[in-house]
């Protein structure tokens, strides 16, 4: 799962975790789309808004979801929007998340990574 602000595990790695293996998303909720699950939020961020959820929510039409959108996202995100509003998040627990921006990442000699701490 390539994407924007995707969780990654080891700081020595230059690729994100699959959403199903990322623990961060189960500890957040969206204030902008309260019906979005952690997986829906992760999908939106990971696809730079190309998909807005897994199956659709009250704020995300099913036609824009992974399940129903007819055109797949380009593996380099070339057909993803140039900008993405995202979500305003509320954190339900303390901890940290290592994140990576894969849109501008060559996976070998250039990476954009950081750590988000919730205290």
PDB file of N, CA and C in Angstrom:
ATOM      1  N   UNK A   1       0.844  -1.177   0.000  1.00  0.00           N
ATOM      2  CA  UNK A   1       0.000   0.000   0.000  1.00  0.00           C
ATOM      3  C   UNK A   1       0.884   1.232   0.000  1.00  0.00           C
ATOM      4  N   UNK A   2       1.063   1.836  -1.122  1.00  0.00           N
ATOM      5  CA  UNK A   2       1.870   3.044  -1.178  1.00  0.00           C
ATOM      6  C   UNK A   2       0.999   4.232  -0.832  1.00  0.00           C
ATOM      7  N   UNK A   3       1.593   5.311  -0.340  1.00  0.00           N
ATOM      8  CA  UNK A   3       0.747   6.435  -0.025  1.00  0.00           C
ATOM      9  C   UNK A   3       1.398   7.559   0.725  1.00  0.00           C
ATOM     10  N   UNK A   4       0.591   8.526   1.024  1.00  0.00           N
ATOM     11  CA  UNK A   4       1.002   9.712   1.736  1.00  0.00           C
ATOM     12  C   UNK A   4       0.775   9.482   3.223  1.00  0.00           C
ATOM     13  N   UNK A   5       1.745   9.823   4.043  1.00  0.00           N
ATOM     14  CA  UNK A   5       1.619   9.706   5.491  1.00  0.00           C
ATOM     15  C   UNK A   5       1.208   8.307   5.926  1.00  0.00           C
ATOM     16  N   UNK A   6       1.793   7.308   5.349  1.00  0.00           N
ATOM     17  CA  UNK A   6       1.515   5.928   5.711  1.00  0.00           C
ATOM     18  C   UNK A   6       2.449   5.512   6.845  1.00  0.00           C
ATOM     19  N   UNK A   7       1.952   4.671   7.731  1.00  0.00           N
ATOM     20  CA  UNK A   7       2.764   4.190   8.850  1.00  0.00           C
ATOM     21  C   UNK A   7       3.813   3.210   8.339  1.00  0.00           C
ATOM     22  N   UNK A   8       4.991   3.299   8.909  1.00  0.00           N
ATOM     23  CA  UNK A   8       6.017   2.307   8.609  1.00  0.00           C
ATOM     24  C   UNK A   8       6.595   1.830   9.926  1.00  0.00           C
ATOM     25  N   UNK A   9       7.213   0.665   9.907  1.00  0.00           N
ATOM     26  CA  UNK A   9       7.707   0.061  11.137  1.00  0.00           C
ATOM     27  C   UNK A   9       9.097   0.514  11.505  1.00  0.00           C
ATOM     28  N   UNK A  10      10.093  -0.114  10.977  1.00  0.00           N
ATOM     29  CA  UNK A  10      11.494   0.111  11.295  1.00  0.00           C
ATOM     30  C   UNK A  10      11.979   1.382  10.605  1.00  0.00           C
ATOM     31  N   UNK A  11      12.634   2.283  11.373  1.00  0.00           N
ATOM     32  CA  UNK A  11      13.109   3.534  10.790  1.00  0.00           C
ATOM     33  C   UNK A  11      14.151   3.325   9.704  1.00  0.00           C
ATOM     34  N   UNK A  12      14.729   2.145   9.614  1.00  0.00           N
ATOM     35  CA  UNK A  12      15.689   1.847   8.557  1.00  0.00           C
ATOM     36  C   UNK A  12      15.041   1.420   7.251  1.00  0.00           C
ATOM     37  N   UNK A  13      13.735   1.263   7.249  1.00  0.00           N
ATOM     38  CA  UNK A  13      13.011   0.826   6.046  1.00  0.00           C
ATOM     39  C   UNK A  13      12.444   2.033   5.310  1.00  0.00           C
ATOM     40  N   UNK A  14      12.327   1.924   4.002  1.00  0.00           N
ATOM     41  CA  UNK A  14      11.788   3.006   3.181  1.00  0.00           C
ATOM     42  C   UNK A  14      10.484   2.629   2.503  1.00  0.00           C
ATOM     43  N   UNK A  15       9.696   1.792   3.138  1.00  0.00           N
ATOM     44  CA  UNK A  15       8.390   1.441   2.580  1.00  0.00           C
ATOM     45  C   UNK A  15       7.380   1.321   3.714  1.00  0.00           C
ATOM     46  N   UNK A  16       6.126   1.612   3.442  1.00  0.00           N
ATOM     47  CA  UNK A  16       5.110   1.610   4.504  1.00  0.00           C
ATOM     48  C   UNK A  16       4.624   0.210   4.855  1.00  0.00           C
ATOM     49  N   UNK A  17       4.033   0.110   6.037  1.00  0.00           N
ATOM     50  CA  UNK A  17       3.353  -1.125   6.430  1.00  0.00           C
ATOM     51  C   UNK A  17       2.046  -1.235   5.653  1.00  0.00           C
ATOM     52  N   UNK A  18       1.578  -2.445   5.444  1.00  0.00           N
ATOM     53  CA  UNK A  18       0.230  -2.601   4.926  1.00  0.00           C
ATOM     54  C   UNK A  18      -0.725  -2.099   5.998  1.00  0.00           C
ATOM     55  N   UNK A  19      -1.820  -1.494   5.589  1.00  0.00           N
ATOM     56  CA  UNK A  19      -2.765  -0.915   6.540  1.00  0.00           C
ATOM     57  C   UNK A  19      -3.207  -1.951   7.572  1.00  0.00           C
ATOM     58  N   UNK A  20      -3.426  -3.184   7.138  1.00  0.00           N
ATOM     59  CA  UNK A  20      -3.892  -4.208   8.080  1.00  0.00           C
ATOM     60  C   UNK A  20      -2.863  -4.532   9.160  1.00  0.00           C
ATOM     61  N   UNK A  21      -1.590  -4.163   8.969  1.00  0.00           N
ATOM     62  CA  UNK A  21      -0.550  -4.413   9.963  1.00  0.00           C
ATOM     63  C   UNK A  21      -0.175  -3.156  10.756  1.00  0.00           C
ATOM     64  N   UNK A  22      -0.776  -2.034  10.418  1.00  0.00           N
ATOM     65  CA  UNK A  22      -0.468  -0.776  11.086  1.00  0.00           C
ATOM     66  C   UNK A  22      -1.378  -0.592  12.295  1.00  0.00           C
ATOM     67  N   UNK A  23      -0.805  -0.359  13.454  1.00  0.00           N
ATOM     68  CA  UNK A  23      -1.597  -0.249  14.682  1.00  0.00           C
ATOM     69  C   UNK A  23      -2.106   1.164  14.951  1.00  0.00           C
ATOM     70  N   UNK A  24      -1.478   2.152  14.371  1.00  0.00           N
ATOM     71  CA  UNK A  24      -1.818   3.547  14.651  1.00  0.00           C
ATOM     72  C   UNK A  24      -3.286   3.864  14.377  1.00  0.00           C
ATOM     73  N   UNK A  25      -3.819   3.372  13.275  1.00  0.00           N
ATOM     74  CA  UNK A  25      -5.146   3.786  12.813  1.00  0.00           C
ATOM     75  C   UNK A  25      -6.281   3.327  13.712  1.00  0.00           C
ATOM     76  N   UNK A  26      -6.054   2.305  14.524  1.00  0.00           N
ATOM     77  CA  UNK A  26      -7.103   1.879  15.456  1.00  0.00           C
ATOM     78  C   UNK A  26      -7.201   2.826  16.648  1.00  0.00           C
ATOM     79  N   UNK A  27      -6.250   3.723  16.800  1.00  0.00           N
ATOM     80  CA  UNK A  27      -6.241   4.650  17.924  1.00  0.00           C
ATOM     81  C   UNK A  27      -6.628   6.069  17.568  1.00  0.00           C
ATOM     82  N   UNK A  28      -7.226   6.274  16.387  1.00  0.00           N
ATOM     83  CA  UNK A  28      -7.650   7.620  15.983  1.00  0.00           C
ATOM     84  C   UNK A  28      -9.106   7.596  15.553  1.00  0.00           C
ATOM     85  N   UNK A  29      -9.715   8.776  15.623  1.00  0.00           N
ATOM     86  CA  UNK A  29     -11.048   8.947  15.045  1.00  0.00           C
ATOM     87  C   UNK A  29     -11.053  10.269  14.289  1.00  0.00           C
ATOM     88  N   UNK A  30     -11.886  10.353  13.284  1.00  0.00           N
ATOM     89  CA  UNK A  30     -11.966  11.550  12.457  1.00  0.00           C
ATOM     90  C   UNK A  30     -13.038  12.483  12.988  1.00  0.00           C
ATOM     91  N   UNK A  31     -12.695  13.738  13.189  1.00  0.00           N
ATOM     92  CA  UNK A  31     -13.681  14.746  13.564  1.00  0.00           C
ATOM     93  C   UNK A  31     -14.411  15.264  12.332  1.00  0.00           C
ATOM     94  N   UNK A  32     -13.796  15.127  11.165  1.00  0.00           N
ATOM     95  CA  UNK A  32     -14.418  15.604   9.931  1.00  0.00           C
ATOM     96  C   UNK A  32     -15.323  14.556   9.288  1.00  0.00           C
ATOM     97  N   UNK A  33     -15.119  13.297   9.583  1.00  0.00           N
ATOM     98  CA  UNK A  33     -15.988  12.212   9.110  1.00  0.00           C
ATOM     99  C   UNK A  33     -16.126  11.193  10.242  1.00  0.00           C
ATOM    100  N   UNK A  34     -16.991  11.482  11.220  1.00  0.00           N
ATOM    101  CA  UNK A  34     -17.107  10.618  12.400  1.00  0.00           C
ATOM    102  C   UNK A  34     -17.484   9.165  12.099  1.00  0.00           C
ATOM    103  N   UNK A  35     -18.008   8.900  10.912  1.00  0.00           N
ATOM    104  CA  UNK A  35     -18.394   7.536  10.551  1.00  0.00           C
ATOM    105  C   UNK A  35     -17.247   6.749   9.927  1.00  0.00           C
ATOM    106  N   UNK A  36     -16.118   7.413   9.688  1.00  0.00           N
ATOM    107  CA  UNK A  36     -14.958   6.751   9.082  1.00  0.00           C
ATOM    108  C   UNK A  36     -14.244   5.893  10.120  1.00  0.00           C
ATOM    109  N   UNK A  37     -13.917   4.675   9.730  1.00  0.00           N
ATOM    110  CA  UNK A  37     -13.119   3.807  10.603  1.00  0.00           C
ATOM    111  C   UNK A  37     -11.644   4.189  10.472  1.00  0.00           C
ATOM    112  N   UNK A  38     -10.813   3.631  11.333  1.00  0.00           N
ATOM    113  CA  UNK A  38      -9.377   3.852  11.210  1.00  0.00           C
ATOM    114  C   UNK A  38      -8.853   3.409   9.856  1.00  0.00           C
ATOM    115  N   UNK A  39      -9.389   2.301   9.348  1.00  0.00           N
ATOM    116  CA  UNK A  39      -8.983   1.821   8.017  1.00  0.00           C
ATOM    117  C   UNK A  39      -9.398   2.817   6.943  1.00  0.00           C
ATOM    118  N   UNK A  40     -10.601   3.386   7.047  1.00  0.00           N
ATOM    119  CA  UNK A  40     -11.047   4.386   6.073  1.00  0.00           C
ATOM    120  C   UNK A  40     -10.124   5.596   6.066  1.00  0.00           C
ATOM    121  N   UNK A  41      -9.756   6.055   7.257  1.00  0.00           N
ATOM    122  CA  UNK A  41      -8.862   7.216   7.375  1.00  0.00           C
ATOM    123  C   UNK A  41      -7.505   6.891   6.751  1.00  0.00           C
ATOM    124  N   UNK A  42      -6.970   5.712   7.061  1.00  0.00           N
ATOM    125  CA  UNK A  42      -5.674   5.296   6.507  1.00  0.00           C
ATOM    126  C   UNK A  42      -5.725   5.222   4.986  1.00  0.00           C
ATOM    127  N   UNK A  43      -6.818   4.692   4.450  1.00  0.00           N
ATOM    128  CA  UNK A  43      -6.965   4.589   2.988  1.00  0.00           C
ATOM    129  C   UNK A  43      -6.945   5.966   2.351  1.00  0.00           C
ATOM    130  N   UNK A  44      -7.652   6.919   2.956  1.00  0.00           N
ATOM    131  CA  UNK A  44      -7.652   8.283   2.421  1.00  0.00           C
ATOM    132  C   UNK A  44      -6.268   8.881   2.395  1.00  0.00           C
ATOM    133  N   UNK A  45      -5.550   8.781   3.520  1.00  0.00           N
ATOM    134  CA  UNK A  45      -4.194   9.325   3.570  1.00  0.00           C
ATOM    135  C   UNK A  45      -3.250   8.570   2.635  1.00  0.00           C
ATOM    136  N   UNK A  46      -3.323   7.249   2.639  1.00  0.00           N
ATOM    137  CA  UNK A  46      -2.399   6.442   1.831  1.00  0.00           C
ATOM    138  C   UNK A  46      -2.591   6.654   0.337  1.00  0.00           C
ATOM    139  N   UNK A  47      -3.801   7.016  -0.072  1.00  0.00           N
ATOM    140  CA  UNK A  47      -4.061   7.221  -1.504  1.00  0.00           C
ATOM    141  C   UNK A  47      -4.094   8.699  -1.875  1.00  0.00           C
ATOM    142  N   UNK A  48      -3.725   9.564  -0.952  1.00  0.00           N
ATOM    143  CA  UNK A  48      -3.742  11.010  -1.163  1.00  0.00           C
ATOM    144  C   UNK A  48      -5.134  11.487  -1.563  1.00  0.00           C
ATOM    145  N   UNK A  49      -6.150  10.816  -1.039  1.00  0.00           N
ATOM    146  CA  UNK A  49      -7.529  11.200  -1.315  1.00  0.00           C
ATOM    147  C   UNK A  49      -8.149  10.583  -2.552  1.00  0.00           C
ATOM    148  N   UNK A  50      -7.385   9.763  -3.274  1.00  0.00           N
ATOM    149  CA  UNK A  50      -7.959   9.118  -4.463  1.00  0.00           C
ATOM    150  C   UNK A  50      -9.133   8.233  -4.053  1.00  0.00           C
ATOM    151  N   UNK A  51      -8.949   7.474  -2.992  1.00  0.00           N
ATOM    152  CA  UNK A  51     -10.044   6.724  -2.371  1.00  0.00           C
ATOM    153  C   UNK A  51     -10.352   7.430  -1.057  1.00  0.00           C
ATOM    154  N   UNK A  52     -11.625   7.499  -0.677  1.00  0.00           N
ATOM    155  CA  UNK A  52     -11.945   8.161   0.590  1.00  0.00           C
ATOM    156  C   UNK A  52     -12.312   7.173   1.682  1.00  0.00           C
ATOM    157  N   UNK A  53     -12.474   5.910   1.347  1.00  0.00           N
ATOM    158  CA  UNK A  53     -12.781   4.904   2.365  1.00  0.00           C
ATOM    159  C   UNK A  53     -12.717   3.514   1.740  1.00  0.00           C
ATOM    160  N   UNK A  54     -12.961   2.521   2.571  1.00  0.00           N
ATOM    161  CA  UNK A  54     -12.973   1.147   2.069  1.00  0.00           C
ATOM    162  C   UNK A  54     -14.268   0.850   1.307  1.00  0.00           C
ATOM    163  N   UNK A  55     -15.422   1.216   1.909  1.00  0.00           N
ATOM    164  CA  UNK A  55     -16.720   0.906   1.288  1.00  0.00           C
ATOM    165  C   UNK A  55     -17.640   2.104   1.150  1.00  0.00           C
ATOM    166  N   UNK A  56     -17.287   3.234   1.731  1.00  0.00           N
ATOM    167  CA  UNK A  56     -18.142   4.417   1.731  1.00  0.00           C
ATOM    168  C   UNK A  56     -18.615   4.731   3.137  1.00  0.00           C
ATOM    169  N   UNK A  57     -18.815   6.014   3.430  1.00  0.00           N
ATOM    170  CA  UNK A  57     -19.330   6.477   4.715  1.00  0.00           C
ATOM    171  C   UNK A  57     -20.357   7.567   4.417  1.00  0.00           C
ATOM    172  N   UNK A  58     -20.910   8.171   5.441  1.00  0.00           N
ATOM    173  CA  UNK A  58     -21.866   9.260   5.221  1.00  0.00           C
ATOM    174  C   UNK A  58     -21.212  10.448   4.516  1.00  0.00           C
ATOM    175  N   UNK A  59     -19.916  10.664   4.753  1.00  0.00           N
ATOM    176  CA  UNK A  59     -19.195  11.775   4.127  1.00  0.00           C
ATOM    177  C   UNK A  59     -18.439  11.355   2.871  1.00  0.00           C
ATOM    178  N   UNK A  60     -18.356  10.080   2.622  1.00  0.00           N
ATOM    179  CA  UNK A  60     -17.603   9.547   1.487  1.00  0.00           C
ATOM    180  C   UNK A  60     -18.528   8.689   0.639  1.00  0.00           C
ATOM    181  N   UNK A  61     -18.866   9.134  -0.563  1.00  0.00           N
ATOM    182  CA  UNK A  61     -19.745   8.315  -1.401  1.00  0.00           C
ATOM    183  C   UNK A  61     -19.086   6.979  -1.768  1.00  0.00           C
ATOM    184  N   UNK A  62     -19.873   5.934  -1.784  1.00  0.00           N
ATOM    185  CA  UNK A  62     -19.350   4.600  -2.111  1.00  0.00           C
ATOM    186  C   UNK A  62     -18.634   4.592  -3.455  1.00  0.00           C
ATOM    187  N   UNK A  63     -19.063   5.443  -4.380  1.00  0.00           N
ATOM    188  CA  UNK A  63     -18.436   5.486  -5.710  1.00  0.00           C
ATOM    189  C   UNK A  63     -16.978   5.932  -5.650  1.00  0.00           C
ATOM    190  N   UNK A  64     -16.557   6.541  -4.544  1.00  0.00           N
ATOM    191  CA  UNK A  64     -15.173   6.987  -4.362  1.00  0.00           C
ATOM    192  C   UNK A  64     -14.390   6.058  -3.438  1.00  0.00           C
ATOM    193  N   UNK A  65     -14.950   4.905  -3.149  1.00  0.00           N
ATOM    194  CA  UNK A  65     -14.318   3.965  -2.216  1.00  0.00           C
ATOM    195  C   UNK A  65     -13.481   2.927  -2.962  1.00  0.00           C
ATOM    196  N   UNK A  66     -12.638   2.241  -2.228  1.00  0.00           N
ATOM    197  CA  UNK A  66     -11.812   1.174  -2.800  1.00  0.00           C
ATOM    198  C   UNK A  66     -12.708   0.109  -3.431  1.00  0.00           C
ATOM    199  N   UNK A  67     -13.804  -0.190  -2.760  1.00  0.00           N
ATOM    200  CA  UNK A  67     -14.694  -1.256  -3.213  1.00  0.00           C
ATOM    201  C   UNK A  67     -15.390  -0.930  -4.542  1.00  0.00           C
ATOM    202  N   UNK A  68     -15.730   0.343  -4.783  1.00  0.00           N
ATOM    203  CA  UNK A  68     -16.578   0.690  -5.937  1.00  0.00           C
ATOM    204  C   UNK A  68     -15.910   1.516  -7.025  1.00  0.00           C
ATOM    205  N   UNK A  69     -14.807   2.182  -6.742  1.00  0.00           N
ATOM    206  CA  UNK A  69     -14.182   3.037  -7.769  1.00  0.00           C
ATOM    207  C   UNK A  69     -13.669   2.157  -8.899  1.00  0.00           C
ATOM    208  N   UNK A  70     -13.998   2.512 -10.111  1.00  0.00           N
ATOM    209  CA  UNK A  70     -13.716   1.634 -11.254  1.00  0.00           C
ATOM    210  C   UNK A  70     -12.287   1.728 -11.786  1.00  0.00           C
ATOM    211  N   UNK A  71     -11.605   2.812 -11.518  1.00  0.00           N
ATOM    212  CA  UNK A  71     -10.236   2.969 -11.993  1.00  0.00           C
ATOM    213  C   UNK A  71      -9.281   2.834 -10.820  1.00  0.00           C
ATOM    214  N   UNK A  72      -8.302   1.946 -10.932  1.00  0.00           N
ATOM    215  CA  UNK A  72      -7.323   1.748  -9.866  1.00  0.00           C
ATOM    216  C   UNK A  72      -6.380   2.936  -9.782  1.00  0.00           C
ATOM    217  N   UNK A  73      -5.837   3.134  -8.606  1.00  0.00           N
ATOM    218  CA  UNK A  73      -4.860   4.205  -8.423  1.00  0.00           C
ATOM    219  C   UNK A  73      -3.542   3.793  -9.091  1.00  0.00           C
ATOM    220  N   UNK A  74      -2.884   4.760  -9.692  1.00  0.00           N
ATOM    221  CA  UNK A  74      -1.584   4.540 -10.312  1.00  0.00           C
ATOM    222  C   UNK A  74      -0.561   4.223  -9.228  1.00  0.00           C
ATOM    223  N   UNK A  75       0.358   3.298  -9.488  1.00  0.00           N
ATOM    224  CA  UNK A  75       1.312   2.884  -8.446  1.00  0.00           C
ATOM    225  C   UNK A  75       2.263   4.004  -8.026  1.00  0.00           C
ATOM    226  N   UNK A  76       2.339   5.098  -8.782  1.00  0.00           N
ATOM    227  CA  UNK A  76       3.141   6.254  -8.383  1.00  0.00           C
ATOM    228  C   UNK A  76       2.250   7.428  -7.964  1.00  0.00           C
ATOM    229  N   UNK A  77       0.955   7.159  -7.763  1.00  0.00           N
ATOM    230  CA  UNK A  77      -0.043   8.152  -7.351  1.00  0.00           C
ATOM    231  C   UNK A  77      -0.236   9.267  -8.376  1.00  0.00           C
ATOM    232  N   UNK A  78       0.097   9.008  -9.633  1.00  0.00           N
ATOM    233  CA  UNK A  78      -0.012  10.046 -10.654  1.00  0.00           C
ATOM    234  C   UNK A  78      -1.452  10.454 -10.943  1.00  0.00           C
ATOM    235  N   UNK A  79      -2.429   9.604 -10.649  1.00  0.00           N
ATOM    236  CA  UNK A  79      -3.818   9.999 -10.865  1.00  0.00           C
ATOM    237  C   UNK A  79      -4.520  10.388  -9.555  1.00  0.00           C
ATOM    238  N   UNK A  80      -3.756  10.528  -8.473  1.00  0.00           N
ATOM    239  CA  UNK A  80      -4.304  11.010  -7.200  1.00  0.00           C
ATOM    240  C   UNK A  80      -4.409  12.536  -7.246  1.00  0.00           C
ATOM    241  N   UNK A  81      -5.286  13.118  -6.431  1.00  0.00           N
ATOM    242  CA  UNK A  81      -5.411  14.580  -6.420  1.00  0.00           C
ATOM    243  C   UNK A  81      -4.098  15.270  -6.042  1.00  0.00           C
ATOM    244  N   UNK A  82      -3.902  16.470  -6.552  1.00  0.00           N
ATOM    245  CA  UNK A  82      -2.694  17.237  -6.231  1.00  0.00           C
ATOM    246  C   UNK A  82      -2.694  17.698  -4.785  1.00  0.00           C
ATOM    247  N   UNK A  83      -3.862  17.866  -4.190  1.00  0.00           N
ATOM    248  CA  UNK A  83      -3.957  18.215  -2.779  1.00  0.00           C
ATOM    249  C   UNK A  83      -5.084  17.410  -2.146  1.00  0.00           C
ATOM    250  N   UNK A  84      -5.009  17.263  -0.831  1.00  0.00           N
ATOM    251  CA  UNK A  84      -5.978  16.436  -0.110  1.00  0.00           C
ATOM    252  C   UNK A  84      -6.254  17.067   1.235  1.00  0.00           C
ATOM    253  N   UNK A  85      -7.507  17.365   1.518  1.00  0.00           N
ATOM    254  CA  UNK A  85      -7.884  17.980   2.794  1.00  0.00           C
ATOM    255  C   UNK A  85      -7.603  17.043   3.953  1.00  0.00           C
ATOM    256  N   UNK A  86      -7.874  15.785   3.788  1.00  0.00           N
ATOM    257  CA  UNK A  86      -7.583  14.799   4.822  1.00  0.00           C
ATOM    258  C   UNK A  86      -8.631  14.764   5.905  1.00  0.00           C
ATOM    259  N   UNK A  87      -8.194  14.561   7.120  1.00  0.00           N
ATOM    260  CA  UNK A  87      -9.072  14.456   8.275  1.00  0.00           C
ATOM    261  C   UNK A  87      -8.484  15.260   9.424  1.00  0.00           C
ATOM    262  N   UNK A  88      -9.337  15.794  10.257  1.00  0.00           N
ATOM    263  CA  UNK A  88      -8.913  16.320  11.546  1.00  0.00           C
ATOM    264  C   UNK A  88      -9.061  15.149  12.502  1.00  0.00           C
ATOM    265  N   UNK A  89      -7.954  14.744  13.114  1.00  0.00           N
ATOM    266  CA  UNK A  89      -7.941  13.530  13.924  1.00  0.00           C
ATOM    267  C   UNK A  89      -7.984  13.815  15.422  1.00  0.00           C
ATOM    268  N   UNK A  90      -8.648  12.938  16.135  1.00  0.00           N
ATOM    269  CA  UNK A  90      -8.607  12.908  17.594  1.00  0.00           C
ATOM    270  C   UNK A  90      -7.903  11.608  17.969  1.00  0.00           C
ATOM    271  N   UNK A  91      -6.917  11.738  18.845  1.00  0.00           N
ATOM    272  CA  UNK A  91      -6.148  10.565  19.256  1.00  0.00           C
ATOM    273  C   UNK A  91      -6.758   9.970  20.514  1.00  0.00           C
ATOM    274  N   UNK A  92      -7.010   8.680  20.490  1.00  0.00           N
ATOM    275  CA  UNK A  92      -7.669   7.996  21.595  1.00  0.00           C
ATOM    276  C   UNK A  92      -6.683   7.397  22.596  1.00  0.00           C
ATOM    277  N   UNK A  93      -5.399   7.405  22.248  1.00  0.00           N
ATOM    278  CA  UNK A  93      -4.409   6.859  23.177  1.00  0.00           C
ATOM    279  C   UNK A  93      -3.045   7.507  22.928  1.00  0.00           C
ATOM    280  N   UNK A  94      -2.203   7.406  23.921  1.00  0.00           N
ATOM    281  CA  UNK A  94      -0.851   7.944  23.825  1.00  0.00           C
ATOM    282  C   UNK A  94       0.020   6.961  23.043  1.00  0.00           C
ATOM    283  N   UNK A  95       1.083   7.482  22.471  1.00  0.00           N
ATOM    284  CA  UNK A  95       2.005   6.625  21.742  1.00  0.00           C
ATOM    285  C   UNK A  95       2.706   7.395  20.638  1.00  0.00           C
ATOM    286  N   UNK A  96       3.214   6.680  19.676  1.00  0.00           N
ATOM    287  CA  UNK A  96       3.881   7.327  18.549  1.00  0.00           C
ATOM    288  C   UNK A  96       3.629   6.535  17.273  1.00  0.00           C
ATOM    289  N   UNK A  97       3.839   7.209  16.175  1.00  0.00           N
ATOM    290  CA  UNK A  97       3.706   6.586  14.862  1.00  0.00           C
ATOM    291  C   UNK A  97       4.859   7.079  13.996  1.00  0.00           C
ATOM    292  N   UNK A  98       5.586   6.155  13.409  1.00  0.00           N
ATOM    293  CA  UNK A  98       6.568   6.504  12.391  1.00  0.00           C
ATOM    294  C   UNK A  98       5.803   6.607  11.080  1.00  0.00           C
ATOM    295  N   UNK A  99       5.972   7.706  10.364  1.00  0.00           N
ATOM    296  CA  UNK A  99       5.244   7.868   9.106  1.00  0.00           C
ATOM    297  C   UNK A  99       6.206   8.159   7.966  1.00  0.00           C
ATOM    298  N   UNK A 100       5.719   7.909   6.782  1.00  0.00           N
ATOM    299  CA  UNK A 100       6.526   8.072   5.579  1.00  0.00           C
ATOM    300  C   UNK A 100       5.663   8.659   4.472  1.00  0.00           C
ATOM    301  N   UNK A 101       6.225   9.566   3.717  1.00  0.00           N
ATOM    302  CA  UNK A 101       5.550  10.111   2.545  1.00  0.00           C
ATOM    303  C   UNK A 101       6.122   9.398   1.327  1.00  0.00           C
ATOM    304  N   UNK A 102       5.317   8.563   0.700  1.00  0.00           N
ATOM    305  CA  UNK A 102       5.846   7.798  -0.428  1.00  0.00           C
ATOM    306  C   UNK A 102       5.657   8.500  -1.771  1.00  0.00           C
ATOM    307  N   UNK A 103       4.960   9.613  -1.800  1.00  0.00           N
ATOM    308  CA  UNK A 103       4.767  10.321  -3.072  1.00  0.00           C
ATOM    309  C   UNK A 103       6.089  10.873  -3.594  1.00  0.00           C
ATOM    310  N   UNK A 104       6.950  11.318  -2.709  1.00  0.00           N
ATOM    311  CA  UNK A 104       8.238  11.893  -3.108  1.00  0.00           C
ATOM    312  C   UNK A 104       9.368  11.061  -2.512  1.00  0.00           C
ATOM    313  N   UNK A 105       9.270   9.764  -2.668  1.00  0.00           N
ATOM    314  CA  UNK A 105      10.228   8.845  -2.070  1.00  0.00           C
ATOM    315  C   UNK A 105      10.751   7.922  -3.164  1.00  0.00           C
ATOM    316  N   UNK A 106      12.049   7.860  -3.328  1.00  0.00           N
ATOM    317  CA  UNK A 106      12.607   6.982  -4.359  1.00  0.00           C
ATOM    318  C   UNK A 106      12.827   5.558  -3.849  1.00  0.00           C
ATOM    319  N   UNK A 107      12.553   5.300  -2.569  1.00  0.00           N
ATOM    320  CA  UNK A 107      12.695   3.989  -1.930  1.00  0.00           C
ATOM    321  C   UNK A 107      14.136   3.493  -1.881  1.00  0.00           C
ATOM    322  N   UNK A 108      15.092   4.319  -2.273  1.00  0.00           N
ATOM    323  CA  UNK A 108      16.493   3.900  -2.176  1.00  0.00           C
ATOM    324  C   UNK A 108      17.368   5.023  -1.637  1.00  0.00           C
ATOM    325  N   UNK A 109      17.408   6.151  -2.333  1.00  0.00           N
ATOM    326  CA  UNK A 109      18.341   7.197  -1.914  1.00  0.00           C
ATOM    327  C   UNK A 109      17.659   8.459  -1.372  1.00  0.00           C
ATOM    328  N   UNK A 110      16.334   8.484  -1.300  1.00  0.00           N
ATOM    329  CA  UNK A 110      15.641   9.668  -0.803  1.00  0.00           C
ATOM    330  C   UNK A 110      14.392   9.210  -0.053  1.00  0.00           C
ATOM    331  N   UNK A 111      14.226   9.705   1.157  1.00  0.00           N
ATOM    332  CA  UNK A 111      13.025   9.361   1.910  1.00  0.00           C
ATOM    333  C   UNK A 111      12.572  10.570   2.721  1.00  0.00           C
ATOM    334  N   UNK A 112      11.282  10.650   2.946  1.00  0.00           N
ATOM    335  CA  UNK A 112      10.699  11.689   3.785  1.00  0.00           C
ATOM    336  C   UNK A 112       9.944  10.976   4.896  1.00  0.00           C
ATOM    337  N   UNK A 113      10.560  10.958   6.074  1.00  0.00           N
ATOM    338  CA  UNK A 113       9.997  10.213   7.196  1.00  0.00           C
ATOM    339  C   UNK A 113       9.970  11.102   8.432  1.00  0.00           C
ATOM    340  N   UNK A 114       9.119  10.726   9.368  1.00  0.00           N
ATOM    341  CA  UNK A 114       9.054  11.436  10.631  1.00  0.00           C
ATOM    342  C   UNK A 114       8.383  10.577  11.675  1.00  0.00           C
ATOM    343  N   UNK A 115       8.321  11.081  12.875  1.00  0.00           N
ATOM    344  CA  UNK A 115       7.650  10.402  13.974  1.00  0.00           C
ATOM    345  C   UNK A 115       6.676  11.362  14.621  1.00  0.00           C
ATOM    346  N   UNK A 116       5.450  10.925  14.804  1.00  0.00           N
ATOM    347  CA  UNK A 116       4.406  11.701  15.463  1.00  0.00           C
ATOM    348  C   UNK A 116       4.242  11.137  16.861  1.00  0.00           C
ATOM    349  N   UNK A 117       4.416  11.999  17.873  1.00  0.00           N
ATOM    350  CA  UNK A 117       4.282  11.576  19.277  1.00  0.00           C
ATOM    351  C   UNK A 117       2.988  12.126  19.831  1.00  0.00           C
ATOM    352  N   UNK A 118       2.188  11.284  20.481  1.00  0.00           N
ATOM    353  CA  UNK A 118       0.960  11.682  21.134  1.00  0.00           C
ATOM    354  C   UNK A 118       1.163  11.466  22.624  1.00  0.00           C
ATOM    355  N   UNK A 119       1.135  12.549  23.389  1.00  0.00           N
ATOM    356  CA  UNK A 119       1.412  12.466  24.834  1.00  0.00           C
ATOM    357  C   UNK A 119       0.186  12.794  25.641  1.00  0.00           C
TER     358      UNK A 119
END
